[in-house]
């Protein structure tokens, strides 16, 4: 579950298995925009994600969401600090910020996540927005019976760690 500024505030064990455990990150680093554009712990821990909509589509939609959040919460100092920090430290963020005009919410995508133990997993990603609460719940699914569904099942069983034979 993410807030309006894409800060992760709740996750389950499957999220940790798929994306690494957010509990290992400092609280301030549990932010998707920092993971995409920053240079700290969040960025270092983020697994490669490729959108079927193109190489910049995912990043552009996150910036558009942040622009929308800034327009709705102009007095939010934490949000302002995040945007200022990313504009100053990330050329990619600054470029998207300058060019993204429409506040197109990030709601659906098909992504390939490269997991270090399981390999590439093609998933449908749906972002469900809680009306009036500015919370986003991200849900991943794989086609029933597909090899990607099998990889998700393997993640569920192993927790994302390499399976080793008992000694």
N, C-alpha and C. Protein backbone atom coordinates (compact mmCIF):
# COMPACT_ATOMS: atom_id res chain seq x y z
N UNK A 1 0.85 -1.17 0.00
CA UNK A 1 0.00 0.00 0.00
C UNK A 1 0.90 1.23 0.00
N UNK A 2 0.62 2.13 -0.92
CA UNK A 2 1.41 3.34 -1.09
C UNK A 2 0.56 4.58 -0.79
N UNK A 3 1.21 5.65 -0.34
CA UNK A 3 0.55 6.94 -0.14
C UNK A 3 0.59 7.74 -1.44
N UNK A 4 0.06 8.94 -1.41
CA UNK A 4 -0.01 9.79 -2.60
C UNK A 4 1.37 10.10 -3.17
N UNK A 5 2.40 10.12 -2.33
CA UNK A 5 3.76 10.41 -2.82
C UNK A 5 4.54 9.13 -3.12
N UNK A 6 3.86 8.01 -3.20
CA UNK A 6 4.43 6.69 -3.49
C UNK A 6 5.37 6.19 -2.40
N UNK A 7 5.03 6.54 -1.14
CA UNK A 7 5.75 5.96 -0.01
C UNK A 7 5.04 4.66 0.36
N UNK A 8 5.81 3.60 0.48
CA UNK A 8 5.27 2.29 0.84
C UNK A 8 5.00 2.26 2.34
N UNK A 9 3.74 2.02 2.71
CA UNK A 9 3.37 2.01 4.13
C UNK A 9 2.90 0.65 4.62
N UNK A 10 2.62 -0.28 3.71
CA UNK A 10 2.22 -1.63 4.10
C UNK A 10 2.56 -2.59 2.98
N UNK A 11 2.99 -3.79 3.35
CA UNK A 11 3.31 -4.82 2.36
C UNK A 11 3.11 -6.18 3.02
N UNK A 12 3.04 -7.21 2.17
CA UNK A 12 2.91 -8.57 2.70
C UNK A 12 4.16 -9.38 2.33
N UNK A 13 4.17 -10.64 2.70
CA UNK A 13 5.35 -11.47 2.47
C UNK A 13 5.62 -11.69 0.98
N UNK A 14 4.58 -11.75 0.16
CA UNK A 14 4.80 -11.91 -1.28
C UNK A 14 5.46 -10.67 -1.87
N UNK A 15 5.09 -9.50 -1.39
CA UNK A 15 5.75 -8.27 -1.86
C UNK A 15 7.24 -8.35 -1.53
N UNK A 16 7.55 -8.75 -0.31
CA UNK A 16 8.95 -8.87 0.11
C UNK A 16 9.69 -9.90 -0.73
N UNK A 17 9.04 -11.01 -1.04
CA UNK A 17 9.67 -12.05 -1.86
C UNK A 17 9.92 -11.56 -3.27
N UNK A 18 9.01 -10.76 -3.81
CA UNK A 18 9.12 -10.28 -5.18
C UNK A 18 10.07 -9.09 -5.33
N UNK A 19 10.05 -8.19 -4.34
CA UNK A 19 10.78 -6.92 -4.48
C UNK A 19 11.88 -6.70 -3.45
N UNK A 20 12.21 -7.66 -2.66
CA UNK A 20 13.12 -7.52 -1.51
C UNK A 20 12.32 -6.93 -0.34
N UNK A 21 12.79 -7.18 0.85
CA UNK A 21 12.05 -6.79 2.05
C UNK A 21 12.23 -5.30 2.35
N UNK A 22 11.15 -4.53 2.26
CA UNK A 22 11.25 -3.09 2.55
C UNK A 22 11.67 -2.80 4.00
N UNK A 23 11.46 -3.73 4.90
CA UNK A 23 11.85 -3.52 6.29
C UNK A 23 13.37 -3.34 6.43
N UNK A 24 14.12 -3.81 5.44
CA UNK A 24 15.57 -3.65 5.46
C UNK A 24 16.00 -2.23 5.09
N UNK A 25 15.08 -1.44 4.60
CA UNK A 25 15.38 -0.06 4.20
C UNK A 25 15.04 0.92 5.31
N UNK A 26 15.76 2.02 5.41
CA UNK A 26 15.33 3.09 6.31
C UNK A 26 13.94 3.57 5.88
N UNK A 27 13.13 3.99 6.80
CA UNK A 27 11.75 4.39 6.52
C UNK A 27 11.67 5.42 5.40
N UNK A 28 12.54 6.41 5.40
CA UNK A 28 12.51 7.46 4.37
C UNK A 28 12.82 6.92 2.98
N UNK A 29 13.48 5.77 2.89
CA UNK A 29 13.85 5.19 1.60
C UNK A 29 12.77 4.28 1.04
N UNK A 30 11.69 4.07 1.74
CA UNK A 30 10.62 3.20 1.27
C UNK A 30 9.68 3.98 0.35
N UNK A 31 10.25 4.54 -0.68
CA UNK A 31 9.51 5.40 -1.59
C UNK A 31 9.84 5.00 -3.02
N UNK A 32 8.81 4.76 -3.81
CA UNK A 32 9.01 4.30 -5.18
C UNK A 32 9.73 5.33 -6.04
N UNK A 33 9.44 6.60 -5.87
CA UNK A 33 10.13 7.63 -6.65
C UNK A 33 11.61 7.65 -6.29
N UNK A 34 11.95 7.49 -5.02
CA UNK A 34 13.36 7.42 -4.64
C UNK A 34 14.01 6.16 -5.21
N UNK A 35 13.26 5.06 -5.25
CA UNK A 35 13.81 3.83 -5.82
C UNK A 35 14.11 4.00 -7.31
N UNK A 36 13.22 4.68 -8.02
CA UNK A 36 13.41 4.87 -9.46
C UNK A 36 14.47 5.92 -9.79
N UNK A 37 14.48 7.02 -9.05
CA UNK A 37 15.29 8.17 -9.43
C UNK A 37 16.40 8.53 -8.45
N UNK A 38 16.36 7.99 -7.26
CA UNK A 38 17.33 8.38 -6.24
C UNK A 38 18.65 7.66 -6.41
N UNK A 39 19.52 7.86 -5.42
CA UNK A 39 20.82 7.18 -5.45
C UNK A 39 21.13 6.55 -4.09
N UNK A 40 20.09 6.36 -3.27
CA UNK A 40 20.28 5.78 -1.95
C UNK A 40 19.92 4.31 -1.88
N UNK A 41 19.59 3.88 -0.69
CA UNK A 41 19.30 2.47 -0.42
C UNK A 41 18.11 1.95 -1.22
N UNK A 42 17.09 2.78 -1.42
CA UNK A 42 15.91 2.34 -2.18
C UNK A 42 16.30 2.01 -3.61
N UNK A 43 17.09 2.87 -4.22
CA UNK A 43 17.51 2.64 -5.61
C UNK A 43 18.40 1.39 -5.70
N UNK A 44 19.29 1.24 -4.74
CA UNK A 44 20.20 0.10 -4.75
C UNK A 44 19.47 -1.23 -4.59
N UNK A 45 18.36 -1.22 -3.87
CA UNK A 45 17.65 -2.48 -3.60
C UNK A 45 16.59 -2.81 -4.65
N UNK A 46 16.27 -1.87 -5.53
CA UNK A 46 15.20 -2.09 -6.50
C UNK A 46 15.63 -3.07 -7.58
N UNK A 47 14.81 -4.07 -7.81
CA UNK A 47 15.07 -5.04 -8.87
C UNK A 47 14.70 -4.42 -10.21
N UNK A 48 15.36 -4.86 -11.28
CA UNK A 48 15.01 -4.33 -12.61
C UNK A 48 13.55 -4.64 -12.98
N UNK A 49 12.84 -3.60 -13.41
CA UNK A 49 11.44 -3.71 -13.83
C UNK A 49 11.33 -3.10 -15.22
N UNK A 50 10.70 -3.84 -16.15
CA UNK A 50 10.53 -3.37 -17.51
C UNK A 50 9.04 -3.33 -17.84
N UNK A 51 8.57 -2.19 -18.26
CA UNK A 51 7.17 -2.02 -18.64
C UNK A 51 6.98 -2.36 -20.11
N UNK A 52 5.87 -3.00 -20.44
CA UNK A 52 5.56 -3.27 -21.84
C UNK A 52 5.20 -1.99 -22.60
N UNK A 53 4.92 -0.90 -21.86
CA UNK A 53 4.57 0.36 -22.51
C UNK A 53 5.80 1.14 -22.96
N UNK A 54 6.99 0.64 -22.66
CA UNK A 54 8.21 1.31 -23.08
C UNK A 54 9.12 1.61 -21.92
N UNK A 55 10.38 1.95 -22.22
CA UNK A 55 11.38 2.11 -21.17
C UNK A 55 11.13 3.26 -20.20
N UNK A 56 10.45 4.32 -20.64
CA UNK A 56 10.22 5.47 -19.77
C UNK A 56 8.80 5.58 -19.23
N UNK A 57 7.91 4.70 -19.66
CA UNK A 57 6.49 4.84 -19.32
C UNK A 57 6.23 4.75 -17.82
N UNK A 58 6.84 3.79 -17.16
CA UNK A 58 6.63 3.61 -15.72
C UNK A 58 7.12 4.84 -14.96
N UNK A 59 8.34 5.27 -15.25
CA UNK A 59 8.90 6.44 -14.58
C UNK A 59 8.05 7.68 -14.84
N UNK A 60 7.62 7.86 -16.09
CA UNK A 60 6.81 9.03 -16.44
C UNK A 60 5.49 9.04 -15.67
N UNK A 61 4.89 7.87 -15.50
CA UNK A 61 3.60 7.82 -14.78
C UNK A 61 3.78 8.12 -13.30
N UNK A 62 4.90 7.72 -12.72
CA UNK A 62 5.16 8.03 -11.30
C UNK A 62 5.36 9.53 -11.13
N UNK A 63 6.09 10.16 -12.05
CA UNK A 63 6.28 11.62 -12.00
C UNK A 63 4.95 12.32 -12.17
N UNK A 64 4.12 11.85 -13.09
CA UNK A 64 2.80 12.46 -13.29
C UNK A 64 1.97 12.36 -12.02
N UNK A 65 2.04 11.21 -11.35
CA UNK A 65 1.32 11.05 -10.07
C UNK A 65 1.84 12.03 -9.02
N UNK A 66 3.15 12.23 -8.98
CA UNK A 66 3.71 13.19 -8.02
C UNK A 66 3.28 14.61 -8.34
N UNK A 67 3.21 14.95 -9.62
CA UNK A 67 2.73 16.29 -10.00
C UNK A 67 1.29 16.49 -9.53
N UNK A 68 0.49 15.45 -9.69
CA UNK A 68 -0.90 15.51 -9.24
C UNK A 68 -0.95 15.69 -7.72
N UNK A 69 -0.12 14.94 -7.00
CA UNK A 69 -0.09 15.05 -5.53
C UNK A 69 0.33 16.45 -5.10
N UNK A 70 1.32 17.04 -5.78
CA UNK A 70 1.77 18.39 -5.45
C UNK A 70 0.65 19.40 -5.67
N UNK A 71 -0.14 19.21 -6.73
CA UNK A 71 -1.25 20.14 -6.99
C UNK A 71 -2.35 20.02 -5.94
N UNK A 72 -2.53 18.81 -5.40
CA UNK A 72 -3.56 18.62 -4.38
C UNK A 72 -3.09 18.96 -2.97
N UNK A 73 -1.79 18.87 -2.74
CA UNK A 73 -1.23 19.11 -1.41
C UNK A 73 -0.06 20.10 -1.48
N UNK A 74 -0.34 21.35 -1.85
CA UNK A 74 0.74 22.32 -2.03
C UNK A 74 1.45 22.67 -0.72
N UNK A 75 0.84 22.41 0.42
CA UNK A 75 1.46 22.75 1.70
C UNK A 75 2.19 21.57 2.34
N UNK A 76 2.25 20.42 1.67
CA UNK A 76 2.89 19.23 2.23
C UNK A 76 4.40 19.37 2.10
N UNK A 77 5.06 19.64 3.21
CA UNK A 77 6.51 19.90 3.18
C UNK A 77 7.31 18.64 2.85
N UNK A 78 6.85 17.48 3.30
CA UNK A 78 7.57 16.23 2.99
C UNK A 78 7.53 15.95 1.49
N UNK A 79 6.37 16.15 0.88
CA UNK A 79 6.22 15.96 -0.56
C UNK A 79 7.08 16.97 -1.32
N UNK A 80 7.03 18.22 -0.89
CA UNK A 80 7.84 19.26 -1.53
C UNK A 80 9.32 18.93 -1.44
N UNK A 81 9.77 18.46 -0.28
CA UNK A 81 11.17 18.10 -0.08
C UNK A 81 11.58 16.94 -1.00
N UNK A 82 10.70 15.93 -1.14
CA UNK A 82 10.97 14.79 -2.03
C UNK A 82 11.14 15.26 -3.47
N UNK A 83 10.22 16.05 -3.95
CA UNK A 83 10.27 16.53 -5.34
C UNK A 83 11.49 17.40 -5.57
N UNK A 84 11.77 18.31 -4.63
CA UNK A 84 12.95 19.17 -4.76
C UNK A 84 14.23 18.34 -4.81
N UNK A 85 14.33 17.38 -3.90
CA UNK A 85 15.51 16.50 -3.84
C UNK A 85 15.70 15.76 -5.17
N UNK A 86 14.64 15.18 -5.69
CA UNK A 86 14.76 14.41 -6.93
C UNK A 86 15.04 15.30 -8.14
N UNK A 87 14.47 16.48 -8.16
CA UNK A 87 14.74 17.41 -9.28
C UNK A 87 16.20 17.84 -9.28
N UNK A 88 16.79 17.97 -8.08
CA UNK A 88 18.18 18.41 -7.96
C UNK A 88 19.18 17.28 -8.21
N UNK A 89 18.81 16.06 -7.91
CA UNK A 89 19.78 14.96 -7.96
C UNK A 89 19.60 14.00 -9.13
N UNK A 90 18.48 14.08 -9.83
CA UNK A 90 18.22 13.14 -10.91
C UNK A 90 17.86 13.88 -12.20
N UNK A 91 18.73 13.75 -13.19
CA UNK A 91 18.45 14.37 -14.49
C UNK A 91 17.19 13.77 -15.10
N UNK A 92 17.00 12.45 -14.94
CA UNK A 92 15.82 11.79 -15.51
C UNK A 92 14.55 12.32 -14.86
N UNK A 93 14.56 12.47 -13.52
CA UNK A 93 13.38 13.00 -12.84
C UNK A 93 13.11 14.43 -13.30
N UNK A 94 14.16 15.25 -13.34
CA UNK A 94 14.00 16.66 -13.75
C UNK A 94 13.44 16.74 -15.18
N UNK A 95 13.91 15.87 -16.07
CA UNK A 95 13.41 15.86 -17.45
C UNK A 95 11.93 15.49 -17.49
N UNK A 96 11.56 14.44 -16.75
CA UNK A 96 10.14 14.06 -16.70
C UNK A 96 9.30 15.16 -16.07
N UNK A 97 9.81 15.76 -15.02
CA UNK A 97 9.07 16.82 -14.32
C UNK A 97 8.79 17.98 -15.27
N UNK A 98 9.77 18.31 -16.09
CA UNK A 98 9.62 19.43 -17.02
C UNK A 98 8.70 19.10 -18.19
N UNK A 99 8.57 17.82 -18.55
CA UNK A 99 7.81 17.47 -19.75
C UNK A 99 6.47 16.82 -19.49
N UNK A 100 6.27 16.20 -18.35
CA UNK A 100 4.99 15.54 -18.08
C UNK A 100 3.94 16.60 -17.75
N UNK A 101 2.94 16.73 -18.61
CA UNK A 101 1.93 17.76 -18.39
C UNK A 101 0.64 17.18 -17.85
N UNK A 102 0.24 16.03 -18.32
CA UNK A 102 -1.01 15.42 -17.86
C UNK A 102 -0.74 14.59 -16.61
N UNK A 103 -1.64 14.69 -15.67
CA UNK A 103 -1.52 13.90 -14.45
C UNK A 103 -2.18 12.54 -14.68
N UNK A 104 -1.52 11.72 -15.48
CA UNK A 104 -2.04 10.39 -15.80
C UNK A 104 -1.69 9.43 -14.67
N UNK A 105 -2.67 8.99 -13.96
CA UNK A 105 -2.41 8.09 -12.84
C UNK A 105 -1.85 6.77 -13.31
N UNK A 106 -0.93 6.25 -12.52
CA UNK A 106 -0.37 4.93 -12.79
C UNK A 106 -1.37 3.91 -12.26
N UNK A 107 -2.13 3.29 -13.16
CA UNK A 107 -3.20 2.39 -12.73
C UNK A 107 -3.05 0.97 -13.21
N UNK A 108 -2.46 0.76 -14.36
CA UNK A 108 -2.33 -0.61 -14.87
C UNK A 108 -1.12 -0.69 -15.79
N UNK A 109 -0.50 -1.86 -15.79
CA UNK A 109 0.67 -2.06 -16.62
C UNK A 109 0.96 -3.55 -16.68
N UNK A 110 1.73 -3.93 -17.63
CA UNK A 110 2.26 -5.30 -17.70
C UNK A 110 3.77 -5.15 -17.57
N UNK A 111 4.34 -5.80 -16.56
CA UNK A 111 5.75 -5.59 -16.25
C UNK A 111 6.49 -6.92 -16.17
N UNK A 112 7.73 -6.85 -16.54
CA UNK A 112 8.64 -7.97 -16.31
C UNK A 112 9.57 -7.56 -15.19
N UNK A 113 9.56 -8.35 -14.14
CA UNK A 113 10.44 -8.10 -12.99
C UNK A 113 11.55 -9.15 -13.04
N UNK A 114 12.78 -8.69 -12.99
CA UNK A 114 13.92 -9.62 -13.00
C UNK A 114 14.31 -9.93 -11.56
N UNK A 115 13.92 -11.12 -11.11
CA UNK A 115 14.23 -11.55 -9.75
C UNK A 115 15.56 -12.29 -9.76
N UNK A 116 16.45 -12.00 -8.80
CA UNK A 116 17.79 -12.60 -8.85
C UNK A 116 17.80 -14.13 -8.68
N UNK A 117 16.80 -14.69 -8.05
CA UNK A 117 16.77 -16.13 -7.82
C UNK A 117 15.82 -16.87 -8.77
N UNK A 118 14.74 -16.22 -9.16
CA UNK A 118 13.67 -16.86 -9.94
C UNK A 118 13.81 -16.55 -11.43
N UNK A 119 14.41 -15.42 -11.76
CA UNK A 119 14.51 -14.99 -13.15
C UNK A 119 13.40 -14.02 -13.51
N UNK A 120 13.17 -13.83 -14.79
CA UNK A 120 12.15 -12.89 -15.27
C UNK A 120 10.75 -13.43 -14.98
N UNK A 121 9.89 -12.54 -14.48
CA UNK A 121 8.50 -12.89 -14.21
C UNK A 121 7.64 -11.82 -14.87
N UNK A 122 6.79 -12.23 -15.82
CA UNK A 122 5.87 -11.31 -16.50
C UNK A 122 4.57 -11.26 -15.71
N UNK A 123 4.21 -10.06 -15.25
CA UNK A 123 3.05 -9.89 -14.38
C UNK A 123 2.18 -8.74 -14.85
N UNK A 124 0.88 -8.93 -14.66
CA UNK A 124 -0.05 -7.82 -14.80
C UNK A 124 -0.04 -7.06 -13.49
N UNK A 125 0.10 -5.76 -13.57
CA UNK A 125 0.15 -4.91 -12.38
C UNK A 125 -1.06 -3.99 -12.41
N UNK A 126 -1.86 -4.06 -11.37
CA UNK A 126 -3.02 -3.18 -11.24
C UNK A 126 -2.84 -2.35 -9.98
N UNK A 127 -3.06 -1.05 -10.12
CA UNK A 127 -2.97 -0.13 -8.98
C UNK A 127 -4.40 0.28 -8.64
N UNK A 128 -4.84 -0.17 -7.49
CA UNK A 128 -6.19 0.12 -7.03
C UNK A 128 -6.12 1.32 -6.10
N UNK A 129 -6.90 2.34 -6.41
CA UNK A 129 -6.88 3.59 -5.64
C UNK A 129 -8.04 3.58 -4.66
N UNK A 130 -7.74 3.90 -3.41
CA UNK A 130 -8.77 4.00 -2.38
C UNK A 130 -9.33 5.41 -2.44
N UNK A 131 -10.58 5.58 -2.90
CA UNK A 131 -11.16 6.92 -3.06
C UNK A 131 -11.18 7.69 -1.74
N UNK A 132 -10.77 8.94 -1.82
CA UNK A 132 -10.81 9.82 -0.66
C UNK A 132 -9.71 9.58 0.35
N UNK A 133 -8.86 8.59 0.14
CA UNK A 133 -7.82 8.29 1.11
C UNK A 133 -6.42 8.44 0.54
N UNK A 134 -6.31 8.65 -0.77
CA UNK A 134 -5.01 8.77 -1.43
C UNK A 134 -4.08 7.60 -1.11
N UNK A 135 -4.65 6.42 -1.03
CA UNK A 135 -3.86 5.21 -0.86
C UNK A 135 -3.95 4.40 -2.15
N UNK A 136 -2.84 3.76 -2.49
CA UNK A 136 -2.79 2.92 -3.68
C UNK A 136 -2.38 1.51 -3.27
N UNK A 137 -3.16 0.54 -3.70
CA UNK A 137 -2.79 -0.84 -3.45
C UNK A 137 -2.35 -1.44 -4.78
N UNK A 138 -1.14 -1.99 -4.80
CA UNK A 138 -0.58 -2.58 -6.01
C UNK A 138 -0.80 -4.09 -5.94
N UNK A 139 -1.42 -4.63 -6.99
CA UNK A 139 -1.69 -6.07 -7.06
C UNK A 139 -1.05 -6.64 -8.32
N UNK A 140 -0.29 -7.71 -8.15
CA UNK A 140 0.33 -8.40 -9.28
C UNK A 140 -0.37 -9.73 -9.49
N UNK A 141 -0.60 -10.07 -10.76
CA UNK A 141 -1.17 -11.37 -11.11
C UNK A 141 -0.45 -11.91 -12.34
N UNK A 142 -0.50 -13.23 -12.47
CA UNK A 142 0.05 -13.89 -13.64
C UNK A 142 -1.04 -14.76 -14.24
N UNK A 143 -0.97 -14.97 -15.52
CA UNK A 143 -1.97 -15.80 -16.19
C UNK A 143 -1.99 -17.20 -15.59
N UNK A 144 -3.18 -17.68 -15.29
CA UNK A 144 -3.34 -19.00 -14.69
C UNK A 144 -2.69 -20.07 -15.57
N UNK A 145 -1.91 -20.93 -14.93
CA UNK A 145 -1.27 -22.04 -15.63
C UNK A 145 -0.02 -21.66 -16.40
N UNK A 146 0.36 -20.39 -16.40
CA UNK A 146 1.54 -19.95 -17.14
C UNK A 146 2.82 -20.24 -16.34
N UNK A 147 3.94 -20.19 -17.02
CA UNK A 147 5.22 -20.37 -16.33
C UNK A 147 5.44 -19.23 -15.32
N UNK A 148 4.88 -18.05 -15.61
CA UNK A 148 5.01 -16.93 -14.67
C UNK A 148 4.21 -17.19 -13.40
N UNK A 149 3.03 -17.83 -13.52
CA UNK A 149 2.27 -18.23 -12.33
C UNK A 149 3.07 -19.24 -11.53
N UNK A 150 3.77 -20.13 -12.22
CA UNK A 150 4.64 -21.09 -11.52
C UNK A 150 5.77 -20.40 -10.78
N UNK A 151 6.32 -19.35 -11.39
CA UNK A 151 7.39 -18.60 -10.71
C UNK A 151 6.85 -17.89 -9.47
N UNK A 152 5.63 -17.35 -9.56
CA UNK A 152 5.02 -16.74 -8.38
C UNK A 152 4.81 -17.78 -7.28
N UNK A 153 4.37 -18.96 -7.66
CA UNK A 153 4.21 -20.04 -6.67
C UNK A 153 5.54 -20.39 -6.03
N UNK A 154 6.60 -20.43 -6.82
CA UNK A 154 7.93 -20.70 -6.28
C UNK A 154 8.34 -19.61 -5.30
N UNK A 155 8.05 -18.36 -5.64
CA UNK A 155 8.32 -17.25 -4.71
C UNK A 155 7.56 -17.42 -3.40
N UNK A 156 6.31 -17.84 -3.52
CA UNK A 156 5.47 -18.02 -2.35
C UNK A 156 6.08 -19.07 -1.42
N UNK A 157 6.61 -20.14 -2.00
CA UNK A 157 7.18 -21.24 -1.21
C UNK A 157 8.55 -20.89 -0.65
N UNK A 158 9.39 -20.26 -1.46
CA UNK A 158 10.77 -19.99 -1.05
C UNK A 158 10.96 -18.63 -0.37
N UNK A 159 9.98 -17.77 -0.48
CA UNK A 159 10.14 -16.42 0.05
C UNK A 159 11.12 -15.61 -0.77
N UNK A 160 11.45 -16.07 -1.97
CA UNK A 160 12.36 -15.34 -2.84
C UNK A 160 13.81 -15.69 -2.66
N UNK A 161 14.09 -16.62 -1.76
CA UNK A 161 15.48 -17.02 -1.53
C UNK A 161 15.77 -18.29 -2.33
N UNK A 162 17.02 -18.47 -2.62
CA UNK A 162 17.42 -19.65 -3.40
C UNK A 162 17.10 -20.91 -2.61
N UNK A 163 16.54 -21.87 -3.29
CA UNK A 163 16.27 -23.16 -2.66
C UNK A 163 17.55 -23.97 -2.65
N UNK A 164 17.89 -24.52 -1.49
CA UNK A 164 19.09 -25.36 -1.39
C UNK A 164 18.69 -26.72 -0.87
N UNK A 165 19.43 -27.70 -1.27
CA UNK A 165 19.14 -29.06 -0.82
C UNK A 165 19.53 -29.22 0.64
N UNK A 166 18.73 -29.98 1.41
CA UNK A 166 19.09 -30.21 2.81
C UNK A 166 20.36 -31.01 2.91
N UNK A 167 21.07 -30.79 3.97
CA UNK A 167 22.35 -31.51 4.17
C UNK A 167 22.16 -32.70 5.05
